[in-house]
Amino acid sequence: MINPFQRGLSGGQRSVENYRHTLALDVYTHSICAFRLTLVSDTSVDVAMVLRDVMLPLPMRADWDGEMEWP
């Protein structure tokens, strides 16, 4: 699905750019696990990077408490 977003340019001109959203959704909680925003079209590499983000999430931050940890 291509979603055009308008972004402002100098001189008051406006341009429409095409972006592609690639999302990974959790079926049970309906939450977004990972996403990619690419220009024009997505490739198999973009889909592979989304799957990588799902399987290898970022580590917990030091300021998060123990309740945020996945069991």
N, C-alpha and C. Protein backbone atom coordinates (compact mmCIF):
# COMPACT_ATOMS: atom_id res chain seq x y z
N MET A 1 0.84 -1.16 0.00
CA MET A 1 0.00 0.00 0.00
C MET A 1 0.89 1.23 0.00
N ILE A 2 0.75 2.08 -0.94
CA ILE A 2 1.56 3.29 -1.06
C ILE A 2 0.78 4.44 -0.44
N ASN A 3 1.41 5.12 0.51
CA ASN A 3 0.80 6.27 1.17
C ASN A 3 1.57 7.52 0.82
N PRO A 4 0.98 8.41 0.05
CA PRO A 4 1.70 9.65 -0.26
C PRO A 4 1.63 10.61 0.93
N PHE A 5 2.77 11.17 1.30
CA PHE A 5 2.84 12.20 2.33
C PHE A 5 3.36 13.47 1.67
N GLN A 6 2.81 14.58 2.05
CA GLN A 6 3.30 15.85 1.52
C GLN A 6 4.32 16.41 2.49
N ARG A 7 5.44 16.86 1.98
CA ARG A 7 6.40 17.53 2.83
C ARG A 7 6.76 18.86 2.21
N GLY A 8 6.96 19.83 3.08
CA GLY A 8 7.21 21.19 2.62
C GLY A 8 8.59 21.36 2.04
N LEU A 9 8.70 22.16 0.99
CA LEU A 9 9.97 22.50 0.37
C LEU A 9 10.16 24.00 0.47
N SER A 10 11.37 24.44 0.21
CA SER A 10 11.65 25.88 0.27
C SER A 10 10.88 26.61 -0.82
N GLY A 11 10.52 27.84 -0.54
CA GLY A 11 9.81 28.64 -1.53
C GLY A 11 8.32 28.37 -1.56
N GLY A 12 7.78 27.65 -0.58
CA GLY A 12 6.35 27.40 -0.53
C GLY A 12 5.88 26.31 -1.48
N GLN A 13 6.79 25.65 -2.20
CA GLN A 13 6.39 24.58 -3.09
C GLN A 13 6.08 23.32 -2.28
N ARG A 14 5.22 22.48 -2.79
CA ARG A 14 4.88 21.22 -2.13
C ARG A 14 5.17 20.07 -3.09
N SER A 15 5.63 18.98 -2.52
CA SER A 15 5.96 17.80 -3.32
C SER A 15 5.33 16.58 -2.68
N VAL A 16 4.87 15.64 -3.48
CA VAL A 16 4.29 14.40 -2.98
C VAL A 16 5.30 13.29 -3.23
N GLU A 17 5.70 12.64 -2.16
CA GLU A 17 6.61 11.51 -2.25
C GLU A 17 5.85 10.24 -1.91
N ASN A 18 6.20 9.13 -2.54
CA ASN A 18 5.57 7.85 -2.24
C ASN A 18 6.43 7.06 -1.27
N TYR A 19 5.80 6.59 -0.23
CA TYR A 19 6.47 5.76 0.76
C TYR A 19 5.73 4.44 0.86
N ARG A 20 6.46 3.41 1.28
CA ARG A 20 5.88 2.09 1.45
C ARG A 20 6.09 1.65 2.90
N HIS A 21 5.01 1.28 3.57
CA HIS A 21 5.08 0.77 4.94
C HIS A 21 5.11 -0.75 4.90
N THR A 22 6.07 -1.35 5.58
CA THR A 22 6.10 -2.80 5.75
C THR A 22 5.97 -3.05 7.24
N LEU A 23 4.90 -3.72 7.65
CA LEU A 23 4.58 -3.93 9.06
C LEU A 23 4.60 -5.40 9.42
N ALA A 24 5.00 -5.69 10.66
CA ALA A 24 4.86 -7.02 11.23
C ALA A 24 3.89 -6.90 12.40
N LEU A 25 2.74 -7.56 12.31
CA LEU A 25 1.71 -7.48 13.33
C LEU A 25 1.64 -8.76 14.14
N ASP A 26 1.43 -8.61 15.46
CA ASP A 26 1.19 -9.77 16.33
C ASP A 26 -0.28 -10.14 16.20
N VAL A 27 -0.55 -11.38 15.88
CA VAL A 27 -1.93 -11.82 15.64
C VAL A 27 -2.75 -11.79 16.92
N TYR A 28 -2.15 -12.17 18.04
CA TYR A 28 -2.89 -12.26 19.30
C TYR A 28 -3.21 -10.89 19.88
N THR A 29 -2.22 -10.01 19.99
CA THR A 29 -2.41 -8.70 20.63
C THR A 29 -2.73 -7.59 19.64
N HIS A 30 -2.60 -7.86 18.37
CA HIS A 30 -2.83 -6.88 17.31
C HIS A 30 -1.90 -5.67 17.44
N SER A 31 -0.72 -5.88 17.95
CA SER A 31 0.26 -4.81 18.10
C SER A 31 1.31 -4.89 16.99
N ILE A 32 1.94 -3.78 16.71
CA ILE A 32 2.98 -3.71 15.70
C ILE A 32 4.29 -4.15 16.34
N CYS A 33 4.88 -5.21 15.84
CA CYS A 33 6.15 -5.73 16.37
C CYS A 33 7.35 -5.07 15.71
N ALA A 34 7.24 -4.77 14.44
CA ALA A 34 8.34 -4.15 13.71
C ALA A 34 7.76 -3.46 12.48
N PHE A 35 8.52 -2.50 11.95
CA PHE A 35 8.07 -1.81 10.75
C PHE A 35 9.26 -1.26 9.99
N ARG A 36 9.06 -1.03 8.71
CA ARG A 36 10.04 -0.37 7.83
C ARG A 36 9.28 0.65 7.01
N LEU A 37 9.95 1.76 6.76
CA LEU A 37 9.41 2.80 5.90
C LEU A 37 10.42 3.00 4.78
N THR A 38 10.03 2.66 3.55
CA THR A 38 10.95 2.73 2.42
C THR A 38 10.35 3.62 1.34
N LEU A 39 11.22 4.13 0.50
CA LEU A 39 10.77 4.95 -0.63
C LEU A 39 10.30 4.07 -1.78
N VAL A 40 9.28 4.49 -2.45
CA VAL A 40 8.74 3.93 -3.69
C VAL A 40 8.26 2.49 -3.54
N SER A 41 9.13 1.52 -3.31
CA SER A 41 8.66 0.14 -3.21
C SER A 41 9.55 -0.63 -2.25
N ASP A 42 8.99 -1.69 -1.69
CA ASP A 42 9.76 -2.54 -0.79
C ASP A 42 10.30 -3.75 -1.56
N THR A 43 11.39 -4.29 -1.07
CA THR A 43 12.01 -5.46 -1.70
C THR A 43 12.04 -6.59 -0.70
N SER A 44 12.53 -7.74 -1.13
CA SER A 44 12.65 -8.88 -0.23
C SER A 44 13.62 -8.59 0.91
N VAL A 45 14.58 -7.71 0.68
CA VAL A 45 15.52 -7.32 1.74
C VAL A 45 14.79 -6.56 2.84
N ASP A 46 13.88 -5.69 2.47
CA ASP A 46 13.11 -4.95 3.47
C ASP A 46 12.24 -5.88 4.31
N VAL A 47 11.62 -6.85 3.67
CA VAL A 47 10.81 -7.83 4.39
C VAL A 47 11.69 -8.67 5.31
N ALA A 48 12.87 -9.05 4.85
CA ALA A 48 13.80 -9.82 5.67
C ALA A 48 14.26 -9.00 6.88
N MET A 49 14.46 -7.70 6.71
CA MET A 49 14.87 -6.85 7.83
C MET A 49 13.75 -6.70 8.86
N VAL A 50 12.51 -6.67 8.41
CA VAL A 50 11.38 -6.64 9.36
C VAL A 50 11.34 -7.93 10.15
N LEU A 51 11.51 -9.07 9.48
CA LEU A 51 11.53 -10.35 10.18
C LEU A 51 12.70 -10.43 11.16
N ARG A 52 13.84 -9.87 10.79
CA ARG A 52 14.99 -9.83 11.70
C ARG A 52 14.66 -9.01 12.94
N ASP A 53 14.01 -7.87 12.75
CA ASP A 53 13.64 -7.03 13.89
C ASP A 53 12.66 -7.74 14.82
N VAL A 54 11.80 -8.57 14.28
CA VAL A 54 10.86 -9.33 15.11
C VAL A 54 11.60 -10.39 15.92
N MET A 55 12.50 -11.09 15.28
CA MET A 55 13.20 -12.20 15.94
C MET A 55 14.32 -11.74 16.86
N LEU A 56 14.92 -10.57 16.62
CA LEU A 56 16.03 -10.05 17.43
C LEU A 56 15.69 -8.64 17.92
N PRO A 57 14.81 -8.54 18.92
CA PRO A 57 14.44 -7.20 19.40
C PRO A 57 15.60 -6.52 20.11
N LEU A 58 15.50 -5.23 20.27
CA LEU A 58 16.52 -4.46 20.97
C LEU A 58 16.57 -4.90 22.44
N PRO A 59 17.75 -4.84 23.08
CA PRO A 59 17.84 -5.22 24.50
C PRO A 59 17.11 -4.22 25.39
N MET A 60 16.80 -4.65 26.62
CA MET A 60 16.15 -3.76 27.58
C MET A 60 17.05 -2.59 27.92
N ARG A 61 16.46 -1.47 28.11
CA ARG A 61 17.22 -0.29 28.53
C ARG A 61 17.50 -0.36 30.03
N ALA A 62 18.56 0.29 30.44
CA ALA A 62 18.98 0.23 31.84
C ALA A 62 17.95 0.87 32.78
N ASP A 63 17.20 1.87 32.31
CA ASP A 63 16.24 2.56 33.18
C ASP A 63 14.87 1.88 33.24
N TRP A 64 14.68 0.75 32.54
CA TRP A 64 13.43 0.01 32.63
C TRP A 64 13.48 -0.90 33.84
N ASP A 65 12.35 -1.07 34.51
CA ASP A 65 12.32 -1.97 35.65
C ASP A 65 12.03 -3.40 35.21
N GLY A 66 12.05 -4.33 36.16
CA GLY A 66 11.90 -5.76 35.85
C GLY A 66 10.56 -6.14 35.29
N GLU A 67 9.53 -5.31 35.50
CA GLU A 67 8.18 -5.63 34.99
C GLU A 67 8.11 -5.53 33.47
N MET A 68 9.06 -4.82 32.86
CA MET A 68 9.06 -4.67 31.41
C MET A 68 9.69 -5.87 30.70
N GLU A 69 10.35 -6.73 31.45
CA GLU A 69 11.06 -7.87 30.84
C GLU A 69 10.08 -8.93 30.39
N TRP A 70 10.36 -9.51 29.24
CA TRP A 70 9.55 -10.60 28.70
C TRP A 70 9.82 -11.85 29.52
N PRO A 71 8.77 -12.56 29.94
CA PRO A 71 8.99 -13.76 30.80
C PRO A 71 9.66 -14.90 30.08
